[in-house]
């Protein structure tokens, strides 16, 4: 079994192909997903928000692997990211809390490592598409979809009418749809031409005249 430092270095090694980098990070997810989830639940005391915080933490960790100076410090570094994601959720949403002792059997995160990497890749594509938006649309899109602000809160923070916020979000959705379609079309494999099927040879039997009744009997 490879150690954590080796997996981190493989996950961010530009010289490795994409599948190998993904496999290394998927193994990190597999090893630390339950730790991340239980830490998030200890802060949020809400099952679904803890799952969101843990998954967001892995997304942030994947995007920031280059910033980790000591690969062997990945577990502690990931814990800090989890706590940061929890505090972000607490700022944007009101959490219905339950006493921890009333939830003795915590479910695991239940995230397949391969699925986690796919989600991270998809999120990266979405973030890339958002970055391609005009500045005004990009700002409201991030605040609404990524930071969890309501349209009224965005209007208050940006000091613009709510109708302007709605229009910018509408325009952003239309642009994002086109950008994402173009991205996925470019990612689709080019179909390889199929060889033409060779005609099946037909064997013709030599003509045989019908036998007479006398020959039959």
Foldseek 3Di string as FASTA:
>chain_A
DDAQLVLLCQLPPPVDDPVRNLVSLLVVCVVCQQVQLVLLCVLQQDNVLSLVLSLVLSLVCSVCSVVDPRRNCVVVVSSVSSVVSSVLCVVQDPGDHDPPVVCPDRDTSPDRSSNSSVVSVVVVLLVVQLVPDPPVLSVLCCCVPVSPDDLVVVCVVVVHDSVVSVVSPVVSVVSSVVSSVVVVVVVDDDDDDDDDDDDDDDDDDDDDDDDDPVVVD
